[in-house]
């Protein structure tokens, strides 16, 4: 592929500096194509990720799982532990999977001891969802997202210790929070049409 200087003038290589050709050029081309589309449609993109993580994402995530603010037993920035009806980890994981099906995720990855009795569940906020980061809150069952979980690290620890760990898609964990943000903006800026695009799980499930 010929290198087009224009592609690299606007391409942020923060995450791609170590990628060799031809992937480097392919990513640059995709980036440039999307940038042209954004400019053509005169879109303004505002990133307020940390505000969303602190306020909306955890509340929305808990809501889809069926937990309320009154159920919180401990917390720290980005992380919350909720009390749940005592049951085996496997049965609680199945209930979570049923709830997440509404967000295009028909199942969850499970590690650890499925027979372990669970009465508290720990959750994070989108990318801030690594069980190592909130272990001091000591939930019986951890929920992590696929962007921060490595199969050779957190999942191996869960298997070795039996501590239950559920892994879900990051888009799934953030969907309800973005809906809450949409509602928040509608209420405060009624003069502007605000449209929410559903995402949920951001990959397709193909099963046998």
N, C-alpha and C. Protein backbone atom coordinates (compact mmCIF):
# COMPACT_ATOMS: atom_id res chain seq x y z
N UNK A 1 0.84 -1.20 0.00
CA UNK A 1 0.00 0.00 0.00
C UNK A 1 0.87 1.24 0.00
N UNK A 2 0.63 2.18 -0.91
CA UNK A 2 1.39 3.42 -0.97
C UNK A 2 1.05 4.28 0.25
N UNK A 3 2.06 4.91 0.77
CA UNK A 3 1.85 5.77 1.93
C UNK A 3 1.38 7.14 1.48
N UNK A 4 0.23 7.55 1.93
CA UNK A 4 -0.34 8.84 1.60
C UNK A 4 -0.03 9.81 2.74
N UNK A 5 0.80 10.83 2.50
CA UNK A 5 1.16 11.77 3.59
C UNK A 5 -0.04 12.37 4.28
N UNK A 6 -1.14 12.60 3.51
CA UNK A 6 -2.32 13.22 4.10
C UNK A 6 -2.92 12.36 5.19
N UNK A 7 -2.80 11.04 5.03
CA UNK A 7 -3.37 10.13 6.03
C UNK A 7 -2.69 10.33 7.38
N UNK A 8 -1.41 10.62 7.36
CA UNK A 8 -0.65 10.66 8.60
C UNK A 8 -0.61 12.03 9.24
N UNK A 9 -1.07 13.05 8.51
CA UNK A 9 -1.08 14.40 9.07
C UNK A 9 -2.08 14.52 10.22
N UNK A 10 -3.19 13.80 10.13
CA UNK A 10 -4.25 13.94 11.13
C UNK A 10 -4.42 12.69 11.98
N UNK A 11 -3.58 11.70 11.75
CA UNK A 11 -3.76 10.43 12.47
C UNK A 11 -2.98 10.45 13.77
N UNK A 12 -3.67 10.21 14.87
CA UNK A 12 -3.04 10.17 16.18
C UNK A 12 -2.47 8.78 16.41
N UNK A 13 -1.16 8.68 16.46
CA UNK A 13 -0.52 7.37 16.60
C UNK A 13 -0.25 7.01 18.06
N UNK A 14 -0.97 7.62 18.96
CA UNK A 14 -0.73 7.36 20.38
C UNK A 14 -0.78 5.86 20.69
N UNK A 15 -1.72 5.15 20.06
CA UNK A 15 -1.89 3.73 20.36
C UNK A 15 -1.34 2.84 19.25
N UNK A 16 -0.72 3.42 18.22
CA UNK A 16 -0.31 2.63 17.08
C UNK A 16 1.15 2.81 16.71
N UNK A 17 1.94 3.41 17.58
CA UNK A 17 3.33 3.68 17.25
C UNK A 17 4.14 2.42 16.97
N UNK A 18 3.79 1.34 17.64
CA UNK A 18 4.58 0.11 17.50
C UNK A 18 3.99 -0.88 16.51
N UNK A 19 2.93 -0.47 15.80
CA UNK A 19 2.32 -1.37 14.83
C UNK A 19 3.08 -1.29 13.50
N UNK A 20 3.54 -2.41 12.98
CA UNK A 20 4.27 -2.38 11.71
C UNK A 20 3.34 -2.23 10.52
N UNK A 21 3.90 -1.92 9.38
CA UNK A 21 3.14 -1.90 8.14
C UNK A 21 2.80 -3.35 7.76
N UNK A 22 1.67 -3.59 7.05
CA UNK A 22 0.74 -2.60 6.50
C UNK A 22 -0.39 -2.20 7.45
N UNK A 23 -0.44 -2.78 8.65
CA UNK A 23 -1.53 -2.46 9.57
C UNK A 23 -1.54 -0.97 9.92
N UNK A 24 -0.38 -0.38 10.05
CA UNK A 24 -0.28 1.04 10.40
C UNK A 24 -1.01 1.90 9.37
N UNK A 25 -0.76 1.62 8.08
CA UNK A 25 -1.40 2.38 7.02
C UNK A 25 -2.90 2.09 6.94
N UNK A 26 -3.28 0.85 7.21
CA UNK A 26 -4.69 0.49 7.16
C UNK A 26 -5.48 1.20 8.24
N UNK A 27 -4.91 1.26 9.44
CA UNK A 27 -5.58 1.98 10.53
C UNK A 27 -5.66 3.48 10.21
N UNK A 28 -4.61 4.02 9.64
CA UNK A 28 -4.61 5.44 9.29
C UNK A 28 -5.68 5.74 8.25
N UNK A 29 -5.83 4.87 7.29
CA UNK A 29 -6.83 5.06 6.24
C UNK A 29 -8.24 5.02 6.83
N UNK A 30 -8.49 4.08 7.72
CA UNK A 30 -9.81 3.99 8.35
C UNK A 30 -10.09 5.23 9.20
N UNK A 31 -9.07 5.69 9.91
CA UNK A 31 -9.21 6.89 10.74
C UNK A 31 -9.55 8.09 9.87
N UNK A 32 -8.84 8.25 8.79
CA UNK A 32 -9.03 9.40 7.91
C UNK A 32 -10.43 9.37 7.28
N UNK A 33 -10.90 8.20 6.90
CA UNK A 33 -12.22 8.07 6.31
C UNK A 33 -13.30 8.48 7.30
N UNK A 34 -13.16 8.05 8.54
CA UNK A 34 -14.14 8.42 9.57
C UNK A 34 -14.09 9.92 9.86
N UNK A 35 -12.89 10.48 9.89
CA UNK A 35 -12.74 11.91 10.16
C UNK A 35 -13.43 12.73 9.06
N UNK A 36 -13.28 12.34 7.82
CA UNK A 36 -13.92 13.05 6.71
C UNK A 36 -15.44 12.97 6.84
N UNK A 37 -15.96 11.82 7.24
CA UNK A 37 -17.40 11.66 7.41
C UNK A 37 -17.92 12.58 8.52
N UNK A 38 -17.19 12.66 9.62
CA UNK A 38 -17.58 13.53 10.74
C UNK A 38 -17.61 14.99 10.29
N UNK A 39 -16.58 15.40 9.56
CA UNK A 39 -16.51 16.79 9.11
C UNK A 39 -17.59 17.09 8.08
N UNK A 40 -17.86 16.16 7.19
CA UNK A 40 -18.88 16.35 6.16
C UNK A 40 -20.25 16.55 6.78
N UNK A 41 -20.52 15.82 7.87
CA UNK A 41 -21.82 15.92 8.53
C UNK A 41 -21.84 16.96 9.64
N UNK A 42 -20.75 17.72 9.75
CA UNK A 42 -20.65 18.83 10.70
C UNK A 42 -20.99 18.40 12.13
N UNK A 43 -20.41 17.30 12.53
CA UNK A 43 -20.65 16.79 13.88
C UNK A 43 -19.64 17.38 14.86
N UNK A 44 -20.10 17.58 16.09
CA UNK A 44 -19.23 17.97 17.18
C UNK A 44 -19.23 16.84 18.20
N UNK A 45 -18.07 16.34 18.54
CA UNK A 45 -17.97 15.22 19.48
C UNK A 45 -17.38 15.74 20.79
N UNK A 46 -18.13 15.55 21.86
CA UNK A 46 -17.70 15.99 23.18
C UNK A 46 -17.43 14.74 24.03
N UNK A 47 -16.24 14.64 24.54
CA UNK A 47 -15.89 13.51 25.38
C UNK A 47 -15.95 13.94 26.85
N UNK A 48 -16.82 13.28 27.61
CA UNK A 48 -16.94 13.58 29.04
C UNK A 48 -16.90 12.26 29.81
N UNK A 49 -15.91 11.47 29.49
CA UNK A 49 -15.88 10.08 29.93
C UNK A 49 -15.84 9.94 31.45
N UNK A 50 -15.02 10.72 32.11
CA UNK A 50 -14.87 10.54 33.55
C UNK A 50 -16.12 10.98 34.31
N UNK A 51 -16.78 12.03 33.82
CA UNK A 51 -18.04 12.44 34.44
C UNK A 51 -19.07 11.33 34.31
N UNK A 52 -19.14 10.72 33.13
CA UNK A 52 -20.10 9.64 32.91
C UNK A 52 -19.78 8.46 33.82
N UNK A 53 -18.49 8.11 33.92
CA UNK A 53 -18.08 6.98 34.74
C UNK A 53 -18.46 7.18 36.20
N UNK A 54 -18.27 8.38 36.70
CA UNK A 54 -18.53 8.63 38.12
C UNK A 54 -20.01 8.67 38.45
N UNK A 55 -20.82 9.22 37.55
CA UNK A 55 -22.22 9.47 37.89
C UNK A 55 -23.19 8.49 37.27
N UNK A 56 -23.08 8.24 35.96
CA UNK A 56 -24.13 7.53 35.25
C UNK A 56 -23.85 6.03 35.03
N UNK A 57 -22.62 5.69 34.70
CA UNK A 57 -22.33 4.30 34.34
C UNK A 57 -22.60 3.33 35.49
N UNK A 58 -22.09 3.57 36.70
CA UNK A 58 -22.36 2.61 37.78
C UNK A 58 -23.84 2.50 38.12
N UNK A 59 -24.54 3.62 38.10
CA UNK A 59 -25.98 3.60 38.42
C UNK A 59 -26.76 2.82 37.37
N UNK A 60 -26.44 3.05 36.10
CA UNK A 60 -27.13 2.35 35.03
C UNK A 60 -26.81 0.86 35.01
N UNK A 61 -25.55 0.53 35.26
CA UNK A 61 -25.14 -0.87 35.28
C UNK A 61 -25.85 -1.61 36.40
N UNK A 62 -25.91 -1.00 37.58
CA UNK A 62 -26.60 -1.63 38.71
C UNK A 62 -28.08 -1.80 38.40
N UNK A 63 -28.66 -0.83 37.72
CA UNK A 63 -30.09 -0.88 37.41
C UNK A 63 -30.43 -2.08 36.54
N UNK A 64 -29.65 -2.32 35.50
CA UNK A 64 -29.95 -3.44 34.60
C UNK A 64 -29.72 -4.78 35.32
N UNK A 65 -28.85 -4.78 36.32
CA UNK A 65 -28.61 -6.01 37.09
C UNK A 65 -29.67 -6.22 38.16
N UNK A 66 -30.48 -5.19 38.39
CA UNK A 66 -31.55 -5.33 39.38
C UNK A 66 -31.18 -4.86 40.77
N UNK A 67 -30.09 -4.07 40.91
CA UNK A 67 -29.64 -3.60 42.21
C UNK A 67 -29.95 -2.11 42.37
N UNK A 68 -30.17 -1.70 43.61
CA UNK A 68 -30.52 -0.32 43.91
C UNK A 68 -29.44 0.33 44.77
N UNK A 69 -29.51 1.64 44.87
CA UNK A 69 -28.53 2.36 45.69
C UNK A 69 -28.58 1.90 47.14
N UNK A 70 -29.77 1.54 47.60
CA UNK A 70 -29.93 1.07 48.98
C UNK A 70 -29.21 -0.25 49.22
N UNK A 71 -28.87 -0.97 48.14
CA UNK A 71 -28.20 -2.26 48.27
C UNK A 71 -26.69 -2.14 48.41
N UNK A 72 -26.14 -0.93 48.29
CA UNK A 72 -24.69 -0.74 48.37
C UNK A 72 -24.22 -0.96 49.80
N UNK A 73 -23.20 -1.82 49.96
CA UNK A 73 -22.65 -2.09 51.29
C UNK A 73 -21.26 -1.50 51.46
N UNK A 74 -20.56 -1.25 50.35
CA UNK A 74 -19.26 -0.59 50.41
C UNK A 74 -18.94 -0.03 49.02
N UNK A 75 -18.04 0.96 48.99
CA UNK A 75 -17.71 1.56 47.70
C UNK A 75 -16.41 2.34 47.78
N UNK A 76 -15.87 2.64 46.62
CA UNK A 76 -14.76 3.57 46.45
C UNK A 76 -14.94 4.19 45.07
N UNK A 77 -14.11 5.13 44.70
CA UNK A 77 -14.28 5.78 43.41
C UNK A 77 -14.29 4.75 42.28
N UNK A 78 -15.35 4.76 41.48
CA UNK A 78 -15.56 3.88 40.33
C UNK A 78 -16.07 2.48 40.70
N UNK A 79 -16.05 2.09 41.97
CA UNK A 79 -16.40 0.71 42.32
C UNK A 79 -17.46 0.67 43.42
N UNK A 80 -18.36 -0.33 43.31
CA UNK A 80 -19.45 -0.48 44.28
C UNK A 80 -19.68 -1.96 44.56
N UNK A 81 -20.01 -2.26 45.80
CA UNK A 81 -20.37 -3.62 46.20
C UNK A 81 -21.82 -3.61 46.66
N UNK A 82 -22.62 -4.52 46.09
CA UNK A 82 -24.05 -4.59 46.38
C UNK A 82 -24.36 -5.90 47.11
N UNK A 83 -25.29 -5.83 48.05
CA UNK A 83 -25.78 -7.04 48.68
C UNK A 83 -26.82 -7.68 47.76
N UNK A 84 -26.81 -9.00 47.69
CA UNK A 84 -27.75 -9.74 46.85
C UNK A 84 -28.32 -10.89 47.68
N UNK A 85 -29.40 -11.45 47.19
CA UNK A 85 -29.97 -12.61 47.86
C UNK A 85 -29.00 -13.78 47.78
N UNK A 86 -28.70 -14.39 48.90
CA UNK A 86 -27.68 -15.43 48.97
C UNK A 86 -28.01 -16.59 48.04
N UNK A 87 -27.02 -16.99 47.25
CA UNK A 87 -27.20 -18.09 46.30
C UNK A 87 -25.83 -18.55 45.82
N UNK A 88 -25.79 -19.60 45.01
CA UNK A 88 -24.52 -20.04 44.45
C UNK A 88 -24.08 -19.06 43.37
N UNK A 89 -22.80 -19.01 43.14
CA UNK A 89 -22.25 -18.11 42.13
C UNK A 89 -22.82 -18.42 40.75
N UNK A 90 -23.00 -19.71 40.47
CA UNK A 90 -23.52 -20.10 39.15
C UNK A 90 -24.94 -19.58 38.93
N UNK A 91 -25.79 -19.67 39.94
CA UNK A 91 -27.17 -19.22 39.80
C UNK A 91 -27.25 -17.70 39.68
N UNK A 92 -26.40 -17.00 40.42
CA UNK A 92 -26.38 -15.55 40.31
C UNK A 92 -25.85 -15.14 38.94
N UNK A 93 -24.84 -15.84 38.45
CA UNK A 93 -24.30 -15.56 37.12
C UNK A 93 -25.37 -15.77 36.05
N UNK A 94 -26.17 -16.80 36.22
CA UNK A 94 -27.24 -17.07 35.25
C UNK A 94 -28.28 -15.97 35.27
N UNK A 95 -28.59 -15.46 36.45
CA UNK A 95 -29.55 -14.36 36.55
C UNK A 95 -29.01 -13.10 35.90
N UNK A 96 -27.72 -12.85 36.09
CA UNK A 96 -27.09 -11.70 35.46
C UNK A 96 -27.13 -11.83 33.94
N UNK A 97 -26.87 -13.04 33.44
CA UNK A 97 -26.90 -13.28 32.00
C UNK A 97 -28.29 -13.02 31.43
N UNK A 98 -29.32 -13.40 32.18
CA UNK A 98 -30.70 -13.17 31.73
C UNK A 98 -30.96 -11.66 31.61
N UNK A 99 -30.50 -10.90 32.61
CA UNK A 99 -30.71 -9.46 32.57
C UNK A 99 -29.94 -8.79 31.43
N UNK A 100 -28.74 -9.28 31.17
CA UNK A 100 -27.91 -8.66 30.14
C UNK A 100 -28.35 -9.03 28.73
N UNK A 101 -29.19 -10.03 28.61
CA UNK A 101 -29.70 -10.40 27.29
C UNK A 101 -30.42 -9.24 26.63
N UNK A 102 -31.00 -8.37 27.45
CA UNK A 102 -31.69 -7.18 26.93
C UNK A 102 -30.72 -6.24 26.23
N UNK A 103 -29.43 -6.37 26.52
CA UNK A 103 -28.41 -5.50 25.94
C UNK A 103 -27.56 -6.24 24.92
N UNK A 104 -28.15 -7.26 24.30
CA UNK A 104 -27.50 -8.03 23.23
C UNK A 104 -26.33 -8.88 23.69
N UNK A 105 -26.28 -9.18 25.00
CA UNK A 105 -25.27 -10.11 25.49
C UNK A 105 -25.99 -11.31 26.11
N UNK A 106 -26.09 -12.41 25.37
CA UNK A 106 -26.89 -13.55 25.82
C UNK A 106 -26.19 -14.48 26.79
N UNK A 107 -24.99 -14.15 27.22
CA UNK A 107 -24.27 -15.01 28.15
C UNK A 107 -23.13 -14.24 28.79
N UNK A 108 -22.51 -14.84 29.80
CA UNK A 108 -21.36 -14.23 30.46
C UNK A 108 -20.26 -15.28 30.58
N UNK A 109 -19.03 -14.80 30.67
CA UNK A 109 -17.90 -15.71 30.94
C UNK A 109 -17.79 -15.87 32.46
N UNK A 110 -17.59 -17.10 32.90
CA UNK A 110 -17.53 -17.35 34.34
C UNK A 110 -16.24 -18.09 34.68
N UNK A 111 -15.58 -17.63 35.75
CA UNK A 111 -14.36 -18.28 36.25
C UNK A 111 -14.50 -18.45 37.76
N UNK A 112 -13.83 -19.45 38.28
CA UNK A 112 -13.88 -19.69 39.72
C UNK A 112 -14.78 -20.85 40.07
N UNK A 113 -15.23 -20.89 41.32
CA UNK A 113 -16.04 -21.98 41.84
C UNK A 113 -17.53 -21.67 41.66
N UNK A 114 -18.24 -22.39 40.79
CA UNK A 114 -19.66 -22.10 40.58
C UNK A 114 -20.53 -22.43 41.77
N UNK A 115 -20.02 -23.24 42.71
CA UNK A 115 -20.82 -23.63 43.88
C UNK A 115 -20.60 -22.69 45.06
N UNK A 116 -19.69 -21.75 44.94
CA UNK A 116 -19.40 -20.82 46.03
C UNK A 116 -20.66 -20.02 46.38
N UNK A 117 -20.98 -19.91 47.66
CA UNK A 117 -22.15 -19.14 48.09
C UNK A 117 -21.81 -17.65 48.08
N UNK A 118 -22.69 -16.88 47.45
CA UNK A 118 -22.44 -15.46 47.22
C UNK A 118 -23.56 -14.64 47.84
N UNK A 119 -23.20 -13.55 48.54
CA UNK A 119 -24.21 -12.63 49.07
C UNK A 119 -23.89 -11.17 48.74
N UNK A 120 -22.71 -10.93 48.14
CA UNK A 120 -22.35 -9.58 47.69
C UNK A 120 -21.68 -9.67 46.32
N UNK A 121 -21.90 -8.62 45.51
CA UNK A 121 -21.33 -8.57 44.16
C UNK A 121 -20.65 -7.22 43.97
N UNK A 122 -19.45 -7.24 43.41
CA UNK A 122 -18.72 -6.01 43.14
C UNK A 122 -18.75 -5.67 41.66
N UNK A 123 -19.01 -4.41 41.35
CA UNK A 123 -19.00 -3.97 39.95
C UNK A 123 -18.16 -2.70 39.83
N UNK A 124 -17.67 -2.48 38.62
CA UNK A 124 -16.92 -1.26 38.32
C UNK A 124 -17.68 -0.42 37.32
N UNK A 125 -16.97 0.43 36.62
CA UNK A 125 -17.61 1.34 35.70
C UNK A 125 -16.89 1.32 34.36
N UNK A 126 -17.45 0.61 33.41
CA UNK A 126 -16.84 0.57 32.10
C UNK A 126 -15.43 0.03 32.15
N UNK A 127 -14.46 0.80 31.64
CA UNK A 127 -13.09 0.31 31.61
C UNK A 127 -12.50 0.19 33.01
N UNK A 128 -13.08 0.91 33.98
CA UNK A 128 -12.61 0.81 35.36
C UNK A 128 -13.29 -0.40 36.00
N UNK A 129 -12.92 -1.58 35.58
CA UNK A 129 -13.64 -2.77 36.06
C UNK A 129 -12.69 -3.95 36.18
N UNK A 130 -11.59 -3.73 36.88
CA UNK A 130 -10.59 -4.77 37.11
C UNK A 130 -10.70 -5.23 38.56
N UNK A 131 -10.96 -6.52 38.81
CA UNK A 131 -11.15 -6.98 40.19
C UNK A 131 -9.95 -6.70 41.09
N UNK A 132 -8.76 -6.59 40.52
CA UNK A 132 -7.58 -6.29 41.34
C UNK A 132 -7.68 -4.89 41.95
N UNK A 133 -8.44 -4.02 41.30
CA UNK A 133 -8.51 -2.62 41.73
C UNK A 133 -9.51 -2.37 42.85
N UNK A 134 -10.36 -3.36 43.13
CA UNK A 134 -11.31 -3.15 44.23
C UNK A 134 -11.40 -4.37 45.14
N UNK A 135 -10.30 -5.12 45.19
CA UNK A 135 -10.29 -6.33 46.03
C UNK A 135 -10.43 -6.00 47.51
N UNK A 136 -10.02 -4.78 47.92
CA UNK A 136 -10.13 -4.44 49.35
C UNK A 136 -11.57 -4.29 49.79
N UNK A 137 -12.51 -4.15 48.83
CA UNK A 137 -13.93 -4.09 49.17
C UNK A 137 -14.49 -5.48 49.45
N UNK A 138 -13.75 -6.51 49.04
CA UNK A 138 -14.02 -7.90 49.40
C UNK A 138 -15.42 -8.40 49.02
N UNK A 139 -15.86 -8.21 47.79
CA UNK A 139 -17.15 -8.80 47.38
C UNK A 139 -17.00 -10.32 47.23
N UNK A 140 -18.11 -11.03 47.34
CA UNK A 140 -18.07 -12.48 47.15
C UNK A 140 -17.89 -12.85 45.68
N UNK A 141 -18.39 -12.01 44.80
CA UNK A 141 -18.30 -12.25 43.36
C UNK A 141 -17.92 -10.94 42.67
N UNK A 142 -16.94 -11.04 41.77
CA UNK A 142 -16.48 -9.86 41.04
C UNK A 142 -17.05 -9.86 39.63
N UNK A 143 -17.33 -8.65 39.11
CA UNK A 143 -17.65 -8.50 37.70
C UNK A 143 -16.56 -7.65 37.06
N UNK A 144 -16.01 -8.15 35.96
CA UNK A 144 -15.01 -7.41 35.21
C UNK A 144 -15.45 -7.28 33.77
N UNK A 145 -14.77 -6.42 33.00
CA UNK A 145 -15.10 -6.26 31.59
C UNK A 145 -13.96 -6.74 30.72
N UNK A 146 -14.30 -7.11 29.49
CA UNK A 146 -13.33 -7.76 28.61
C UNK A 146 -12.15 -6.87 28.23
N UNK A 147 -12.29 -5.55 28.36
CA UNK A 147 -11.18 -4.66 28.02
C UNK A 147 -10.08 -4.65 29.08
N UNK A 148 -10.35 -5.16 30.27
CA UNK A 148 -9.34 -5.11 31.33
C UNK A 148 -8.99 -6.49 31.90
N UNK A 149 -9.61 -7.53 31.40
CA UNK A 149 -9.38 -8.88 31.93
C UNK A 149 -8.47 -9.66 31.00
N UNK A 150 -7.42 -10.24 31.57
CA UNK A 150 -6.50 -11.09 30.80
C UNK A 150 -6.68 -12.54 31.25
N UNK A 151 -6.78 -13.44 30.29
CA UNK A 151 -7.03 -14.84 30.64
C UNK A 151 -5.88 -15.48 31.39
N UNK A 152 -4.70 -14.90 31.31
CA UNK A 152 -3.55 -15.48 32.01
C UNK A 152 -3.31 -14.84 33.38
N UNK A 153 -4.17 -13.88 33.75
CA UNK A 153 -3.94 -13.18 35.01
C UNK A 153 -5.15 -13.26 35.93
N UNK A 154 -6.12 -12.35 35.77
CA UNK A 154 -7.26 -12.34 36.70
C UNK A 154 -8.07 -13.62 36.65
N UNK A 155 -8.25 -14.16 35.45
CA UNK A 155 -9.06 -15.38 35.34
C UNK A 155 -8.33 -16.59 35.92
N UNK A 156 -7.00 -16.63 35.75
CA UNK A 156 -6.23 -17.73 36.34
C UNK A 156 -6.28 -17.66 37.86
N UNK A 157 -6.23 -16.44 38.39
CA UNK A 157 -6.34 -16.27 39.84
C UNK A 157 -7.70 -16.78 40.32
N UNK A 158 -8.76 -16.45 39.58
CA UNK A 158 -10.10 -16.88 39.97
C UNK A 158 -10.20 -18.41 39.95
N UNK A 159 -9.63 -19.02 38.94
CA UNK A 159 -9.66 -20.49 38.85
C UNK A 159 -8.84 -21.12 39.97
N UNK A 160 -7.69 -20.54 40.28
CA UNK A 160 -6.81 -21.12 41.30
C UNK A 160 -7.39 -20.98 42.71
N UNK A 161 -8.09 -19.87 42.97
CA UNK A 161 -8.61 -19.61 44.32
C UNK A 161 -10.08 -20.00 44.47
N UNK A 162 -10.78 -20.12 43.35
CA UNK A 162 -12.21 -20.39 43.40
C UNK A 162 -13.05 -19.13 43.51
N UNK A 163 -12.41 -17.97 43.72
CA UNK A 163 -13.17 -16.71 43.84
C UNK A 163 -13.92 -16.43 42.54
N UNK A 164 -15.24 -16.35 42.59
CA UNK A 164 -16.03 -16.22 41.35
C UNK A 164 -15.76 -14.89 40.63
N UNK A 165 -15.62 -14.99 39.33
CA UNK A 165 -15.40 -13.82 38.48
C UNK A 165 -16.27 -13.95 37.24
N UNK A 166 -17.05 -12.92 36.96
CA UNK A 166 -17.86 -12.85 35.75
C UNK A 166 -17.24 -11.79 34.83
N UNK A 167 -17.11 -12.12 33.56
CA UNK A 167 -16.56 -11.17 32.59
C UNK A 167 -17.63 -10.87 31.55
N UNK A 168 -17.87 -9.57 31.32
CA UNK A 168 -18.86 -9.16 30.34
C UNK A 168 -18.22 -8.16 29.37
N UNK A 169 -18.94 -7.80 28.34
CA UNK A 169 -18.46 -6.84 27.37
C UNK A 169 -18.51 -5.43 27.94
N UNK A 170 -17.52 -4.60 27.61
CA UNK A 170 -17.49 -3.24 28.13
C UNK A 170 -18.69 -2.44 27.65
N UNK A 171 -19.06 -2.59 26.38
CA UNK A 171 -20.21 -1.87 25.86
C UNK A 171 -21.49 -2.20 26.62
N UNK A 172 -21.62 -3.47 27.01
CA UNK A 172 -22.77 -3.89 27.80
C UNK A 172 -22.80 -3.16 29.14
N UNK A 173 -21.65 -3.07 29.78
CA UNK A 173 -21.59 -2.46 31.12
C UNK A 173 -21.88 -0.96 31.08
N UNK A 174 -21.71 -0.32 29.91
CA UNK A 174 -21.88 1.12 29.84
C UNK A 174 -23.20 1.56 29.21
N UNK A 175 -23.91 0.66 28.56
CA UNK A 175 -25.11 1.02 27.81
C UNK A 175 -26.15 1.75 28.66
N UNK A 176 -26.51 1.19 29.81
CA UNK A 176 -27.56 1.79 30.62
C UNK A 176 -27.14 3.16 31.16
N UNK A 177 -25.87 3.33 31.45
CA UNK A 177 -25.38 4.61 31.92
C UNK A 177 -25.52 5.69 30.86
N UNK A 178 -25.27 5.33 29.61
CA UNK A 178 -25.42 6.28 28.51
C UNK A 178 -26.90 6.63 28.33
N UNK A 179 -27.78 5.67 28.55
CA UNK A 179 -29.22 5.97 28.49
C UNK A 179 -29.61 6.95 29.59
N UNK A 180 -29.02 6.79 30.78
CA UNK A 180 -29.30 7.73 31.86
C UNK A 180 -28.78 9.12 31.53
N UNK A 181 -27.61 9.18 30.88
CA UNK A 181 -27.07 10.46 30.45
C UNK A 181 -28.02 11.12 29.44
N UNK A 182 -28.54 10.33 28.51
CA UNK A 182 -29.48 10.82 27.52
C UNK A 182 -30.70 11.44 28.21
N UNK A 183 -31.23 10.73 29.19
CA UNK A 183 -32.39 11.22 29.94
C UNK A 183 -32.05 12.51 30.69
N UNK A 184 -30.87 12.54 31.29
CA UNK A 184 -30.41 13.71 32.03
C UNK A 184 -30.35 14.95 31.12
N UNK A 185 -29.80 14.78 29.92
CA UNK A 185 -29.67 15.90 28.99
C UNK A 185 -31.03 16.35 28.46
N UNK A 186 -31.92 15.39 28.20
CA UNK A 186 -33.26 15.73 27.72
C UNK A 186 -34.00 16.62 28.73
N UNK A 187 -33.85 16.26 30.01
CA UNK A 187 -34.55 17.01 31.05
C UNK A 187 -33.99 18.41 31.22
N UNK A 188 -32.70 18.57 31.01
CA UNK A 188 -32.06 19.86 31.27
C UNK A 188 -31.93 20.73 30.03
N UNK A 189 -32.00 20.12 28.84
CA UNK A 189 -31.92 20.91 27.61
C UNK A 189 -33.07 20.48 26.70
N UNK A 190 -34.30 20.76 27.09
CA UNK A 190 -35.47 20.30 26.31
C UNK A 190 -35.56 20.92 24.93
N UNK A 191 -34.86 22.02 24.69
CA UNK A 191 -34.94 22.70 23.40
C UNK A 191 -34.13 21.99 22.31
N UNK A 192 -33.29 21.04 22.69
CA UNK A 192 -32.44 20.34 21.73
C UNK A 192 -32.88 18.89 21.62
N UNK A 193 -32.99 18.41 20.41
CA UNK A 193 -33.31 16.99 20.20
C UNK A 193 -32.09 16.15 20.52
N UNK A 194 -32.24 15.23 21.43
CA UNK A 194 -31.13 14.37 21.84
C UNK A 194 -31.52 12.92 21.54
N UNK A 195 -30.70 12.27 20.74
CA UNK A 195 -31.00 10.91 20.28
C UNK A 195 -29.97 9.94 20.85
N UNK A 196 -30.45 8.85 21.41
CA UNK A 196 -29.56 7.80 21.92
C UNK A 196 -29.50 6.65 20.92
N UNK A 197 -28.29 6.21 20.60
CA UNK A 197 -28.10 5.05 19.73
C UNK A 197 -27.74 3.85 20.59
N UNK A 198 -28.60 2.85 20.59
CA UNK A 198 -28.34 1.66 21.40
C UNK A 198 -27.08 0.94 20.92
N UNK A 199 -26.31 0.47 21.87
CA UNK A 199 -25.14 -0.34 21.53
C UNK A 199 -25.18 -1.67 22.26
N UNK A 200 -25.11 -1.62 23.58
CA UNK A 200 -25.02 -2.87 24.33
C UNK A 200 -23.74 -3.60 23.99
N UNK A 201 -23.81 -4.90 23.92
CA UNK A 201 -22.63 -5.70 23.55
C UNK A 201 -22.21 -5.31 22.15
N UNK A 202 -20.94 -4.96 21.97
CA UNK A 202 -20.51 -4.40 20.69
C UNK A 202 -19.93 -5.43 19.73
N UNK A 203 -20.15 -6.71 20.01
CA UNK A 203 -19.81 -7.73 19.01
C UNK A 203 -20.97 -8.70 18.88
N UNK A 204 -21.02 -9.40 17.78
CA UNK A 204 -22.11 -10.33 17.51
C UNK A 204 -21.81 -11.69 18.12
N UNK A 205 -22.84 -12.31 18.68
CA UNK A 205 -22.69 -13.65 19.23
C UNK A 205 -23.08 -14.68 18.18
N UNK A 206 -22.17 -15.56 17.85
CA UNK A 206 -22.44 -16.66 16.93
C UNK A 206 -22.20 -17.95 17.69
N UNK A 207 -23.25 -18.72 17.89
CA UNK A 207 -23.15 -19.93 18.70
C UNK A 207 -23.38 -21.17 17.85
N UNK A 208 -22.97 -22.31 18.37
CA UNK A 208 -23.12 -23.57 17.65
C UNK A 208 -24.58 -23.97 17.55
